[in-house]
Each structure stands twice: as structure tokens, then as C-alpha cells.
């Protein structure tokens, strides 16, 4: 049986993929170990981004502020050459997950209050945005 940390990490990665696909991104994951978890192509610009997915934690000792611990397995921050964007997934037991995307600034922690998270970070809804696909199909014709 998988350890709970592995389950939570896999869950966050899958929710991140759902949010990206729902918003028109083309998503792939590497077959070999890489510093990033996903690659995603922006539906508007065609730019490809390397994305590291993290689970957002609520810090009880900091008035439940949201924190993303953005370190690799050795405890170092991610270099901008390795990861372009982070996706943080927030969702506890029985909650609909929320997905936030933000730029890698090569720091170890990213913070926001839950009220300000949507202002500081880009929130990606997880429901299917058919308009993102209809627009792309219309442009292709």
C-alpha cells in the first residue's frame, strides 16, 4: 500500500492536470525523472512551461495562511532553468480542490492568505472551460 505522502502528491498532480486541461492547456508528463512534474502548453500563446506541482498546506501557527514549500528532495529551491511555474493544490478531506499557478522565483516558500490567494496567484478552475476549446477550433479553421 502506498504511503499517504505519495498518495497526496499523486492526487495533487492529477488535480493539476485536470485544471490545466480544463482550461485549454496541452499537458504531458516526463517518462524519466526530471526536476519538473509536467509540461504544459499555454492555449493562448503556445508557450511551453515546465511545472512543478506542490500541495498547499495551511499553517495553523500562522492564522491558517497558505504555504507552498517549494524545495526539491535535497531541500534546495528550484532553479528557474529547471522549473518555470509552480502549481499549488489546496484541498482537504471533503473539500473541492482549488488550484493556483504562479511563477518560480527560486525561493523556498510561497505564502498567501486564503482571501488573497486569488489575487496573488492565478487560480485555475477545475471545471471544463469549453470556450477555451471552441475558440482554438475556430482559429484552426
C-alpha atoms as a PDB file:
ATOM      1  CA  UNK A   1       0.000   0.000   0.000  1.00  0.00           C
ATOM      2  CA  UNK A   2       1.270   3.481  -0.892  1.00  0.00           C
ATOM      3  CA  UNK A   3       2.354   5.856   1.857  1.00  0.00           C
ATOM      4  CA  UNK A   4      -0.016   8.781   2.446  1.00  0.00           C
ATOM      5  CA  UNK A   5       2.564  11.362   1.283  1.00  0.00           C
ATOM      6  CA  UNK A   6       2.830   9.547  -2.057  1.00  0.00           C
ATOM      7  CA  UNK A   7      -0.959   9.406  -2.346  1.00  0.00           C
ATOM      8  CA  UNK A   8      -1.312  13.135  -1.598  1.00  0.00           C
ATOM      9  CA  UNK A   9       1.424  14.003  -4.112  1.00  0.00           C
ATOM     10  CA  UNK A  10      -0.136  11.898  -6.847  1.00  0.00           C
ATOM     11  CA  UNK A  11      -3.572  13.342  -6.077  1.00  0.00           C
ATOM     12  CA  UNK A  12      -2.197  16.897  -6.381  1.00  0.00           C
ATOM     13  CA  UNK A  13      -0.509  16.115  -9.702  1.00  0.00           C
ATOM     14  CA  UNK A  14      -3.696  14.621 -11.141  1.00  0.00           C
ATOM     15  CA  UNK A  15      -5.835  17.558  -9.955  1.00  0.00           C
ATOM     16  CA  UNK A  16      -3.278  19.946 -11.503  1.00  0.00           C
ATOM     17  CA  UNK A  17      -3.551  18.084 -14.812  1.00  0.00           C
ATOM     18  CA  UNK A  18      -7.360  18.281 -14.691  1.00  0.00           C
ATOM     19  CA  UNK A  19      -7.214  22.047 -14.055  1.00  0.00           C
ATOM     20  CA  UNK A  20      -4.748  22.633 -16.888  1.00  0.00           C
ATOM     21  CA  UNK A  21      -6.698  20.502 -19.384  1.00  0.00           C
ATOM     22  CA  UNK A  22      -9.996  22.083 -18.299  1.00  0.00           C
ATOM     23  CA  UNK A  23      -8.511  25.478 -19.191  1.00  0.00           C
ATOM     24  CA  UNK A  24      -7.230  24.533 -22.639  1.00  0.00           C
ATOM     25  CA  UNK A  25      -3.612  23.627 -21.896  1.00  0.00           C
ATOM     26  CA  UNK A  26      -1.913  20.707 -23.626  1.00  0.00           C
ATOM     27  CA  UNK A  27      -0.318  18.644 -20.851  1.00  0.00           C
ATOM     28  CA  UNK A  28       2.369  15.984 -20.793  1.00  0.00           C
ATOM     29  CA  UNK A  29       4.489  14.363 -18.123  1.00  0.00           C
ATOM     30  CA  UNK A  30       8.080  13.182 -18.476  1.00  0.00           C
ATOM     31  CA  UNK A  31       8.810   9.476 -18.791  1.00  0.00           C
ATOM     32  CA  UNK A  32      12.132   9.941 -16.964  1.00  0.00           C
ATOM     33  CA  UNK A  33      12.851  11.719 -13.673  1.00  0.00           C
ATOM     34  CA  UNK A  34      13.058  15.492 -14.185  1.00  0.00           C
ATOM     35  CA  UNK A  35      13.002  18.466 -11.800  1.00  0.00           C
ATOM     36  CA  UNK A  36       9.508  19.294 -13.106  1.00  0.00           C
ATOM     37  CA  UNK A  37       6.354  17.168 -12.908  1.00  0.00           C
ATOM     38  CA  UNK A  38       4.530  18.380 -16.024  1.00  0.00           C
ATOM     39  CA  UNK A  39       4.952  20.312 -19.224  1.00  0.00           C
ATOM     40  CA  UNK A  40       2.020  22.427 -20.336  1.00  0.00           C
ATOM     41  CA  UNK A  41       1.472  24.466 -23.479  1.00  0.00           C
ATOM     42  CA  UNK A  42      -0.427  27.721 -22.992  1.00  0.00           C
ATOM     43  CA  UNK A  43      -3.534  27.719 -25.227  1.00  0.00           C
ATOM     44  CA  UNK A  44      -3.256  31.447 -25.975  1.00  0.00           C
ATOM     45  CA  UNK A  45       0.456  31.873 -26.668  1.00  0.00           C
ATOM     46  CA  UNK A  46       1.678  28.360 -27.460  1.00  0.00           C
ATOM     47  CA  UNK A  47       4.440  28.829 -24.865  1.00  0.00           C
ATOM     48  CA  UNK A  48       5.511  25.611 -23.166  1.00  0.00           C
ATOM     49  CA  UNK A  49       6.137  25.682 -19.412  1.00  0.00           C
ATOM     50  CA  UNK A  50       7.886  23.254 -17.065  1.00  0.00           C
ATOM     51  CA  UNK A  51       5.684  22.930 -13.985  1.00  0.00           C
ATOM     52  CA  UNK A  52       6.392  21.583 -10.520  1.00  0.00           C
ATOM     53  CA  UNK A  53       3.244  20.581  -8.592  1.00  0.00           C
ATOM     54  CA  UNK A  54       3.071  21.039  -4.827  1.00  0.00           C
ATOM     55  CA  UNK A  55       0.387  20.508  -2.214  1.00  0.00           C
ATOM     56  CA  UNK A  56      -0.627  23.689  -0.409  1.00  0.00           C
ATOM     57  CA  UNK A  57      -0.632  23.447   3.353  1.00  0.00           C
ATOM     58  CA  UNK A  58      -2.490  25.623   5.844  1.00  0.00           C
ATOM     59  CA  UNK A  59      -0.201  26.811   8.637  1.00  0.00           C
ATOM     60  CA  UNK A  60      -2.164  26.688  11.869  1.00  0.00           C
ATOM     61  CA  UNK A  61       0.554  28.657  13.649  1.00  0.00           C
ATOM     62  CA  UNK A  62       0.221  31.484  11.068  1.00  0.00           C
ATOM     63  CA  UNK A  63      -3.567  32.075  11.137  1.00  0.00           C
ATOM     64  CA  UNK A  64      -4.122  29.297   8.545  1.00  0.00           C
ATOM     65  CA  UNK A  65      -2.106  31.108   5.881  1.00  0.00           C
ATOM     66  CA  UNK A  66      -1.437  29.045   2.783  1.00  0.00           C
ATOM     67  CA  UNK A  67       2.118  27.941   2.154  1.00  0.00           C
ATOM     68  CA  UNK A  68       3.787  26.103  -0.694  1.00  0.00           C
ATOM     69  CA  UNK A  69       7.079  24.516   0.292  1.00  0.00           C
ATOM     70  CA  UNK A  70       8.951  24.823  -2.999  1.00  0.00           C
ATOM     71  CA  UNK A  71      12.014  22.711  -2.351  1.00  0.00           C
ATOM     72  CA  UNK A  72      13.369  19.660  -4.109  1.00  0.00           C
ATOM     73  CA  UNK A  73      14.352  16.374  -2.459  1.00  0.00           C
ATOM     74  CA  UNK A  74      17.636  17.831  -1.183  1.00  0.00           C
ATOM     75  CA  UNK A  75      15.910  20.869   0.374  1.00  0.00           C
ATOM     76  CA  UNK A  76      17.098  23.385  -2.230  1.00  0.00           C
ATOM     77  CA  UNK A  77      14.864  25.798  -4.101  1.00  0.00           C
ATOM     78  CA  UNK A  78      14.155  25.073  -7.755  1.00  0.00           C
ATOM     79  CA  UNK A  79      16.274  26.912 -10.303  1.00  0.00           C
ATOM     80  CA  UNK A  80      14.410  28.936 -12.920  1.00  0.00           C
ATOM     81  CA  UNK A  81      16.158  26.900 -15.623  1.00  0.00           C
ATOM     82  CA  UNK A  82      14.537  23.717 -14.223  1.00  0.00           C
ATOM     83  CA  UNK A  83      11.014  24.919 -13.353  1.00  0.00           C
ATOM     84  CA  UNK A  84       9.087  27.834 -14.877  1.00  0.00           C
ATOM     85  CA  UNK A  85       5.892  27.669 -12.829  1.00  0.00           C
ATOM     86  CA  UNK A  86       4.509  26.095  -9.709  1.00  0.00           C
ATOM     87  CA  UNK A  87       1.027  24.755  -9.297  1.00  0.00           C
ATOM     88  CA  UNK A  88      -0.217  24.518  -5.743  1.00  0.00           C
ATOM     89  CA  UNK A  89      -3.218  22.337  -4.978  1.00  0.00           C
ATOM     90  CA  UNK A  90      -5.331  23.153  -1.939  1.00  0.00           C
ATOM     91  CA  UNK A  91      -7.885  20.663  -0.757  1.00  0.00           C
ATOM     92  CA  UNK A  92      -8.557  18.877   2.449  1.00  0.00           C
ATOM     93  CA  UNK A  93     -10.733  15.926   3.129  1.00  0.00           C
ATOM     94  CA  UNK A  94     -14.248  16.563   1.848  1.00  0.00           C
ATOM     95  CA  UNK A  95     -13.288  19.830   0.081  1.00  0.00           C
ATOM     96  CA  UNK A  96     -13.383  20.624  -3.619  1.00  0.00           C
ATOM     97  CA  UNK A  97      -9.743  21.249  -4.558  1.00  0.00           C
ATOM     98  CA  UNK A  98      -8.529  24.695  -5.584  1.00  0.00           C
ATOM     99  CA  UNK A  99      -5.606  25.052  -7.981  1.00  0.00           C
ATOM    100  CA  UNK A 100      -3.226  28.021  -8.076  1.00  0.00           C
ATOM    101  CA  UNK A 101      -0.434  28.678 -10.573  1.00  0.00           C
ATOM    102  CA  UNK A 102       2.454  31.097 -10.073  1.00  0.00           C
ATOM    103  CA  UNK A 103       5.923  31.909 -11.345  1.00  0.00           C
ATOM    104  CA  UNK A 104       9.046  30.292  -9.917  1.00  0.00           C
ATOM    105  CA  UNK A 105      11.065  32.978  -8.109  1.00  0.00           C
ATOM    106  CA  UNK A 106      13.662  30.447  -6.862  1.00  0.00           C
ATOM    107  CA  UNK A 107      12.609  30.801  -3.233  1.00  0.00           C
ATOM    108  CA  UNK A 108      11.818  28.008  -0.799  1.00  0.00           C
ATOM    109  CA  UNK A 109       8.354  29.097   0.337  1.00  0.00           C
ATOM    110  CA  UNK A 110       5.417  30.951  -1.180  1.00  0.00           C
ATOM    111  CA  UNK A 111       2.762  32.398   1.144  1.00  0.00           C
ATOM    112  CA  UNK A 112      -0.717  33.877   0.819  1.00  0.00           C
ATOM    113  CA  UNK A 113      -3.821  34.212   2.916  1.00  0.00           C
ATOM    114  CA  UNK A 114      -6.730  32.238   1.525  1.00  0.00           C
ATOM    115  CA  UNK A 115      -8.572  35.527   0.888  1.00  0.00           C
ATOM    116  CA  UNK A 116      -5.635  36.970  -1.111  1.00  0.00           C
ATOM    117  CA  UNK A 117      -4.502  33.793  -2.907  1.00  0.00           C
ATOM    118  CA  UNK A 118      -6.683  34.501  -5.963  1.00  0.00           C
ATOM    119  CA  UNK A 119      -5.148  37.982  -6.218  1.00  0.00           C
ATOM    120  CA  UNK A 120      -1.514  36.935  -5.802  1.00  0.00           C
ATOM    121  CA  UNK A 121      -1.677  33.714  -7.813  1.00  0.00           C
ATOM    122  CA  UNK A 122      -3.642  32.625 -10.898  1.00  0.00           C
ATOM    123  CA  UNK A 123      -6.486  30.346  -9.852  1.00  0.00           C
ATOM    124  CA  UNK A 124      -7.320  27.650 -12.383  1.00  0.00           C
ATOM    125  CA  UNK A 125     -10.864  26.322 -12.070  1.00  0.00           C
ATOM    126  CA  UNK A 126     -11.228  22.571 -12.380  1.00  0.00           C
ATOM    127  CA  UNK A 127     -14.485  22.650 -14.326  1.00  0.00           C
ATOM    128  CA  UNK A 128     -14.237  22.210 -18.088  1.00  0.00           C
ATOM    129  CA  UNK A 129     -13.978  25.514 -19.965  1.00  0.00           C
ATOM    130  CA  UNK A 130     -15.436  24.517 -23.339  1.00  0.00           C
ATOM    131  CA  UNK A 131     -14.881  28.054 -24.640  1.00  0.00           C
ATOM    132  CA  UNK A 132     -11.117  27.511 -24.454  1.00  0.00           C
ATOM    133  CA  UNK A 133     -11.504  24.604 -26.875  1.00  0.00           C
ATOM    134  CA  UNK A 134     -14.194  26.131 -29.086  1.00  0.00           C
ATOM    135  CA  UNK A 135     -12.010  29.226 -29.584  1.00  0.00           C
ATOM    136  CA  UNK A 136      -8.986  27.088 -30.542  1.00  0.00           C
ATOM    137  CA  UNK A 137     -11.075  25.073 -33.034  1.00  0.00           C
ATOM    138  CA  UNK A 138     -12.493  28.252 -34.613  1.00  0.00           C
ATOM    139  CA  UNK A 139      -8.986  29.692 -35.028  1.00  0.00           C
ATOM    140  CA  UNK A 140      -7.777  26.476 -36.671  1.00  0.00           C
ATOM    141  CA  UNK A 141     -10.422  26.682 -39.429  1.00  0.00           C
END
